Amino acid sequence: MLSIFALVVDDSAQFLKTVTPERAASAIWMAGGVLFLMKLGAWLRGRRTGLSAGHAPAERPAADRGRTVHRYGR
């Protein structure tokens, strides 16, 4: 696979020499930072607008005395 790549690319791949492990790591850190800031902004915006403010807590169903009397003896 590597030999086929070397034959196909030849001298036109000079730009690949600019890719170093340090630059790749920097690009990953920067992309992660940008994505984190975007996610944080979306979370803060959603928290500010109160997306969950319209939801009321669910009511617990009332126990049916007729069904529970025989189980608990009351």
C-alpha atoms as a PDB file:
ATOM      1  CA  MET A   1       0.000   0.000   0.000  1.00  0.00           C
ATOM      2  CA  LEU A   2       2.821   2.382   0.883  1.00  0.00           C
ATOM      3  CA  SER A   3       4.682   1.650  -2.349  1.00  0.00           C
ATOM      4  CA  ILE A   4       1.542   2.303  -4.426  1.00  0.00           C
ATOM      5  CA  PHE A   5       1.052   5.577  -2.568  1.00  0.00           C
ATOM      6  CA  ALA A   6       4.675   6.545  -3.240  1.00  0.00           C
ATOM      7  CA  LEU A   7       4.300   5.813  -6.972  1.00  0.00           C
ATOM      8  CA  VAL A   8       1.068   7.742  -7.304  1.00  0.00           C
ATOM      9  CA  VAL A   9       2.021  10.794  -5.274  1.00  0.00           C
ATOM     10  CA  ASP A  10       5.704  11.239  -6.234  1.00  0.00           C
ATOM     11  CA  ASP A  11       6.865  14.866  -5.913  1.00  0.00           C
ATOM     12  CA  SER A  12       3.432  16.416  -5.769  1.00  0.00           C
ATOM     13  CA  ALA A  13       3.178  15.628  -2.062  1.00  0.00           C
ATOM     14  CA  GLN A  14       5.625  18.274  -0.847  1.00  0.00           C
ATOM     15  CA  PHE A  15       2.885  19.791   1.289  1.00  0.00           C
ATOM     16  CA  LEU A  16       2.815  16.612   3.401  1.00  0.00           C
ATOM     17  CA  LYS A  17       6.219  17.562   4.814  1.00  0.00           C
ATOM     18  CA  THR A  18       4.604  20.492   6.591  1.00  0.00           C
ATOM     19  CA  VAL A  19       2.413  18.136   8.623  1.00  0.00           C
ATOM     20  CA  THR A  20       4.302  17.379  11.813  1.00  0.00           C
ATOM     21  CA  PRO A  21       3.118  15.685  14.996  1.00  0.00           C
ATOM     22  CA  GLU A  22       3.269  19.010  16.833  1.00  0.00           C
ATOM     23  CA  ARG A  23       1.098  20.746  14.250  1.00  0.00           C
ATOM     24  CA  ALA A  24      -1.385  17.878  14.194  1.00  0.00           C
ATOM     25  CA  ALA A  25      -1.621  17.954  17.995  1.00  0.00           C
ATOM     26  CA  SER A  26      -2.106  21.726  17.927  1.00  0.00           C
ATOM     27  CA  ALA A  27      -4.875  21.405  15.360  1.00  0.00           C
ATOM     28  CA  ILE A  28      -6.625  18.779  17.487  1.00  0.00           C
ATOM     29  CA  TRP A  29      -6.380  20.979  20.600  1.00  0.00           C
ATOM     30  CA  MET A  30      -7.706  24.012  18.744  1.00  0.00           C
ATOM     31  CA  ALA A  31     -10.610  22.083  17.211  1.00  0.00           C
ATOM     32  CA  GLY A  32     -11.463  20.660  20.634  1.00  0.00           C
ATOM     33  CA  GLY A  33     -11.365  24.111  22.207  1.00  0.00           C
ATOM     34  CA  VAL A  34     -13.612  25.596  19.546  1.00  0.00           C
ATOM     35  CA  LEU A  35     -16.102  22.741  19.831  1.00  0.00           C
ATOM     36  CA  PHE A  36     -16.089  23.044  23.629  1.00  0.00           C
ATOM     37  CA  LEU A  37     -16.826  26.772  23.442  1.00  0.00           C
ATOM     38  CA  MET A  38     -19.654  26.169  20.955  1.00  0.00           C
ATOM     39  CA  LYS A  39     -21.197  23.487  23.184  1.00  0.00           C
ATOM     40  CA  LEU A  40     -20.811  25.681  26.281  1.00  0.00           C
ATOM     41  CA  GLY A  41     -22.493  28.596  24.485  1.00  0.00           C
ATOM     42  CA  ALA A  42     -25.389  26.398  23.369  1.00  0.00           C
ATOM     43  CA  TRP A  43     -25.821  25.073  26.909  1.00  0.00           C
ATOM     44  CA  LEU A  44     -25.769  28.562  28.431  1.00  0.00           C
ATOM     45  CA  ARG A  45     -28.238  29.847  25.835  1.00  0.00           C
ATOM     46  CA  GLY A  46     -30.587  26.935  26.517  1.00  0.00           C
ATOM     47  CA  ARG A  47     -30.282  27.460  30.251  1.00  0.00           C
ATOM     48  CA  ARG A  48     -31.030  31.167  29.888  1.00  0.00           C
ATOM     49  CA  THR A  49     -34.131  30.653  27.756  1.00  0.00           C
ATOM     50  CA  GLY A  50     -35.458  28.052  30.174  1.00  0.00           C
ATOM     51  CA  LEU A  51     -36.116  25.184  27.825  1.00  0.00           C
ATOM     52  CA  SER A  52     -37.226  22.982  30.698  1.00  0.00           C
ATOM     53  CA  ALA A  53     -39.231  25.688  32.501  1.00  0.00           C
ATOM     54  CA  GLY A  54     -42.499  24.601  30.859  1.00  0.00           C
ATOM     55  CA  HIS A  55     -42.361  21.062  32.179  1.00  0.00           C
ATOM     56  CA  ALA A  56     -44.194  20.373  35.411  1.00  0.00           C
ATOM     57  CA  PRO A  57     -43.055  17.497  37.595  1.00  0.00           C
ATOM     58  CA  ALA A  58     -45.088  14.361  37.035  1.00  0.00           C
ATOM     59  CA  GLU A  59     -47.759  13.655  39.615  1.00  0.00           C
ATOM     60  CA  ARG A  60     -47.573  10.397  41.462  1.00  0.00           C
ATOM     61  CA  PRO A  61     -50.655   8.255  40.925  1.00  0.00           C
ATOM     62  CA  ALA A  62     -52.897   7.955  43.961  1.00  0.00           C
ATOM     63  CA  ALA A  63     -53.077   4.512  45.525  1.00  0.00           C
ATOM     64  CA  ASP A  64     -56.337   2.638  45.111  1.00  0.00           C
ATOM     65  CA  ARG A  65     -57.398   1.634  48.623  1.00  0.00           C
ATOM     66  CA  GLY A  66     -59.502  -1.222  47.328  1.00  0.00           C
ATOM     67  CA  ARG A  67     -56.507  -2.901  45.771  1.00  0.00           C
ATOM     68  CA  THR A  68     -53.974  -2.243  48.509  1.00  0.00           C
ATOM     69  CA  VAL A  69     -56.062  -3.115  51.585  1.00  0.00           C
ATOM     70  CA  HIS A  70     -55.698  -6.844  51.100  1.00  0.00           C
ATOM     71  CA  ARG A  71     -51.936  -6.535  50.685  1.00  0.00           C
ATOM     72  CA  TYR A  72     -51.181  -4.366  53.702  1.00  0.00           C
ATOM     73  CA  GLY A  73     -54.123  -5.219  55.958  1.00  0.00           C
ATOM     74  CA  ARG A  74     -55.414  -1.716  56.558  1.00  0.00           C
END
